[in-house]
Amino acid sequence: GFLAWLGGGDEAPDTAFRDQHAVGEVAALDTGTTRPVLVALNQDSVAALGDMRTGSIQLGVSSLMTNQDKYLELEAGTKVRVLAYANEDREARVRVIEGPQADLVVWVPRRWLR
């Protein structure tokens, strides 16, 4: 385990010191709330999601949802598979692997992957 690794035993557990999922791994969408997660349908639109701050997130969501050709809401916790990272690893291209939007490819801020 982890304590044995600290003492020079086994290798580090898979989850030690990780802050992102590798390409090909499964992750869950999580913004830290139970509200639906807004995802971008193209890479050009994901930057606006990354710019939203906690205090203005609802206002931001309302304004972004007027562009339904660029954004979509998914349930919090929706499982996705990481396809690629872009923009210095700040953005993730993912494939939805469960729910009514399964197989859809979308973009999210990397920090929303858990």
C-alpha atoms as a PDB file:
ATOM      1  CA  GLY A   1       0.000   0.000   0.000  1.00  0.00           C
ATOM      2  CA  PHE A   2       0.855   3.668   0.131  1.00  0.00           C
ATOM      3  CA  LEU A   3       2.518   3.499   3.563  1.00  0.00           C
ATOM      4  CA  ALA A   4       4.710   0.634   2.425  1.00  0.00           C
ATOM      5  CA  TRP A   5       5.679   2.691  -0.627  1.00  0.00           C
ATOM      6  CA  LEU A   6       6.664   5.627   1.585  1.00  0.00           C
ATOM      7  CA  GLY A   7       8.888   3.232   3.485  1.00  0.00           C
ATOM      8  CA  GLY A   8      10.518   1.985   0.275  1.00  0.00           C
ATOM      9  CA  GLY A   9       8.296  -1.074  -0.213  1.00  0.00           C
ATOM     10  CA  ASP A  10       5.896  -1.611  -3.093  1.00  0.00           C
ATOM     11  CA  GLU A  11       5.470   0.847  -5.954  1.00  0.00           C
ATOM     12  CA  ALA A  12       3.158   3.840  -5.450  1.00  0.00           C
ATOM     13  CA  PRO A  13      -0.555   3.064  -5.772  1.00  0.00           C
ATOM     14  CA  ASP A  14      -2.167   4.083  -9.065  1.00  0.00           C
ATOM     15  CA  THR A  15      -3.920   7.052  -7.464  1.00  0.00           C
ATOM     16  CA  ALA A  16      -0.910   8.542  -5.643  1.00  0.00           C
ATOM     17  CA  PHE A  17       0.012  12.037  -6.846  1.00  0.00           C
ATOM     18  CA  ARG A  18      -2.303  11.944  -9.875  1.00  0.00           C
ATOM     19  CA  ASP A  19      -4.020  15.137 -10.959  1.00  0.00           C
ATOM     20  CA  GLN A  20      -5.351  14.024 -14.321  1.00  0.00           C
ATOM     21  CA  HIS A  21      -6.583  10.937 -16.076  1.00  0.00           C
ATOM     22  CA  ALA A  22      -4.488   9.447 -18.857  1.00  0.00           C
ATOM     23  CA  VAL A  23      -5.824   9.346 -22.402  1.00  0.00           C
ATOM     24  CA  GLY A  24      -8.018   6.255 -22.669  1.00  0.00           C
ATOM     25  CA  GLU A  25      -9.052   6.222 -19.008  1.00  0.00           C
ATOM     26  CA  VAL A  26     -12.602   6.593 -17.721  1.00  0.00           C
ATOM     27  CA  ALA A  27     -13.476   9.604 -15.552  1.00  0.00           C
ATOM     28  CA  ALA A  28     -16.625  11.222 -14.162  1.00  0.00           C
ATOM     29  CA  LEU A  29     -17.737  14.800 -14.848  1.00  0.00           C
ATOM     30  CA  ASP A  30     -17.694  16.743 -11.586  1.00  0.00           C
ATOM     31  CA  THR A  31     -17.806  20.510 -11.051  1.00  0.00           C
ATOM     32  CA  GLY A  32     -18.164  20.184  -7.282  1.00  0.00           C
ATOM     33  CA  THR A  33     -21.960  20.536  -7.267  1.00  0.00           C
ATOM     34  CA  THR A  34     -24.852  18.182  -7.957  1.00  0.00           C
ATOM     35  CA  ARG A  35     -26.148  20.442 -10.748  1.00  0.00           C
ATOM     36  CA  PRO A  36     -25.917  19.304 -14.370  1.00  0.00           C
ATOM     37  CA  VAL A  37     -22.519  19.837 -15.998  1.00  0.00           C
ATOM     38  CA  LEU A  38     -22.306  22.126 -19.011  1.00  0.00           C
ATOM     39  CA  VAL A  39     -20.071  20.691 -21.753  1.00  0.00           C
ATOM     40  CA  ALA A  40     -18.870  22.235 -25.010  1.00  0.00           C
ATOM     41  CA  LEU A  41     -19.636  20.631 -28.349  1.00  0.00           C
ATOM     42  CA  ASN A  42     -16.416  21.995 -29.894  1.00  0.00           C
ATOM     43  CA  GLN A  43     -12.953  23.025 -28.742  1.00  0.00           C
ATOM     44  CA  ASP A  44     -13.492  26.711 -29.539  1.00  0.00           C
ATOM     45  CA  SER A  45     -16.347  26.852 -27.008  1.00  0.00           C
ATOM     46  CA  VAL A  46     -14.681  25.087 -24.061  1.00  0.00           C
ATOM     47  CA  ALA A  47     -12.600  28.129 -23.084  1.00  0.00           C
ATOM     48  CA  ALA A  48     -15.745  29.940 -21.880  1.00  0.00           C
ATOM     49  CA  LEU A  49     -16.447  27.064 -19.464  1.00  0.00           C
ATOM     50  CA  GLY A  50     -12.943  27.294 -18.044  1.00  0.00           C
ATOM     51  CA  ASP A  51     -13.357  31.039 -17.543  1.00  0.00           C
ATOM     52  CA  MET A  52     -16.425  30.691 -15.307  1.00  0.00           C
ATOM     53  CA  ARG A  53     -15.729  31.342 -11.615  1.00  0.00           C
ATOM     54  CA  THR A  54     -17.747  29.880  -8.741  1.00  0.00           C
ATOM     55  CA  GLY A  55     -19.508  33.155  -7.921  1.00  0.00           C
ATOM     56  CA  SER A  56     -20.693  33.774 -11.459  1.00  0.00           C
ATOM     57  CA  ILE A  57     -21.289  30.212 -12.560  1.00  0.00           C
ATOM     58  CA  GLN A  58     -25.098  30.435 -12.696  1.00  0.00           C
ATOM     59  CA  LEU A  59     -25.031  33.679 -14.654  1.00  0.00           C
ATOM     60  CA  GLY A  60     -22.435  32.125 -16.935  1.00  0.00           C
ATOM     61  CA  VAL A  61     -24.506  28.985 -17.476  1.00  0.00           C
ATOM     62  CA  SER A  62     -27.596  31.033 -18.322  1.00  0.00           C
ATOM     63  CA  SER A  63     -25.771  33.073 -20.941  1.00  0.00           C
ATOM     64  CA  LEU A  64     -24.022  30.038 -22.421  1.00  0.00           C
ATOM     65  CA  MET A  65     -27.233  28.007 -22.653  1.00  0.00           C
ATOM     66  CA  THR A  66     -28.571  30.520 -25.175  1.00  0.00           C
ATOM     67  CA  ASN A  67     -25.956  28.967 -27.503  1.00  0.00           C
ATOM     68  CA  GLN A  68     -27.400  25.457 -27.539  1.00  0.00           C
ATOM     69  CA  ASP A  69     -25.545  24.657 -30.750  1.00  0.00           C
ATOM     70  CA  LYS A  70     -22.283  24.990 -28.764  1.00  0.00           C
ATOM     71  CA  TYR A  71     -23.176  23.624 -25.301  1.00  0.00           C
ATOM     72  CA  LEU A  72     -25.077  20.748 -23.734  1.00  0.00           C
ATOM     73  CA  GLU A  73     -25.963  19.813 -20.144  1.00  0.00           C
ATOM     74  CA  LEU A  74     -25.035  16.375 -18.810  1.00  0.00           C
ATOM     75  CA  GLU A  75     -25.844  14.903 -15.418  1.00  0.00           C
ATOM     76  CA  ALA A  76     -23.167  15.403 -12.774  1.00  0.00           C
ATOM     77  CA  GLY A  77     -21.159  12.204 -12.445  1.00  0.00           C
ATOM     78  CA  THR A  78     -21.631  11.164 -16.084  1.00  0.00           C
ATOM     79  CA  LYS A  79     -18.860   8.741 -17.076  1.00  0.00           C
ATOM     80  CA  VAL A  80     -16.609   9.741 -19.963  1.00  0.00           C
ATOM     81  CA  ARG A  81     -13.495   8.344 -21.643  1.00  0.00           C
ATOM     82  CA  VAL A  82     -10.599  10.767 -22.100  1.00  0.00           C
ATOM     83  CA  LEU A  83      -9.656  11.042 -25.785  1.00  0.00           C
ATOM     84  CA  ALA A  84      -7.118  13.879 -25.733  1.00  0.00           C
ATOM     85  CA  TYR A  85      -5.871  16.967 -23.921  1.00  0.00           C
ATOM     86  CA  ALA A  86      -5.336  20.389 -25.481  1.00  0.00           C
ATOM     87  CA  ASN A  87      -4.354  23.946 -24.580  1.00  0.00           C
ATOM     88  CA  GLU A  88      -1.510  22.936 -22.247  1.00  0.00           C
ATOM     89  CA  ASP A  89      -3.675  20.148 -20.779  1.00  0.00           C
ATOM     90  CA  ARG A  90      -6.315  22.605 -19.517  1.00  0.00           C
ATOM     91  CA  GLU A  91      -9.016  21.199 -21.809  1.00  0.00           C
ATOM     92  CA  ALA A  92     -10.097  17.603 -22.332  1.00  0.00           C
ATOM     93  CA  ARG A  93     -11.778  16.021 -25.334  1.00  0.00           C
ATOM     94  CA  VAL A  94     -13.921  13.171 -23.999  1.00  0.00           C
ATOM     95  CA  ARG A  95     -16.473  10.628 -25.230  1.00  0.00           C
ATOM     96  CA  VAL A  96     -19.614  10.216 -23.140  1.00  0.00           C
ATOM     97  CA  ILE A  97     -19.935   6.502 -22.314  1.00  0.00           C
ATOM     98  CA  GLU A  98     -23.267   6.375 -20.462  1.00  0.00           C
ATOM     99  CA  GLY A  99     -26.720   7.903 -20.518  1.00  0.00           C
ATOM    100  CA  PRO A 100     -28.793   9.309 -23.377  1.00  0.00           C
ATOM    101  CA  GLN A 101     -25.786  11.143 -24.883  1.00  0.00           C
ATOM    102  CA  ALA A 102     -23.553   8.031 -24.995  1.00  0.00           C
ATOM    103  CA  ASP A 103     -20.947   8.133 -27.812  1.00  0.00           C
ATOM    104  CA  LEU A 104     -21.115  11.929 -28.089  1.00  0.00           C
ATOM    105  CA  VAL A 105     -17.682  13.620 -28.151  1.00  0.00           C
ATOM    106  CA  VAL A 106     -17.520  16.840 -26.087  1.00  0.00           C
ATOM    107  CA  TRP A 107     -14.957  19.199 -24.515  1.00  0.00           C
ATOM    108  CA  VAL A 108     -14.633  20.065 -20.806  1.00  0.00           C
ATOM    109  CA  PRO A 109     -12.110  21.821 -18.574  1.00  0.00           C
ATOM    110  CA  ARG A 110      -9.639  19.181 -17.361  1.00  0.00           C
ATOM    111  CA  ARG A 111     -10.267  20.069 -13.727  1.00  0.00           C
ATOM    112  CA  TRP A 112     -13.847  18.772 -14.094  1.00  0.00           C
ATOM    113  CA  LEU A 113     -12.633  15.169 -14.529  1.00  0.00           C
ATOM    114  CA  ARG A 114     -12.671  13.017 -11.375  1.00  0.00           C
END
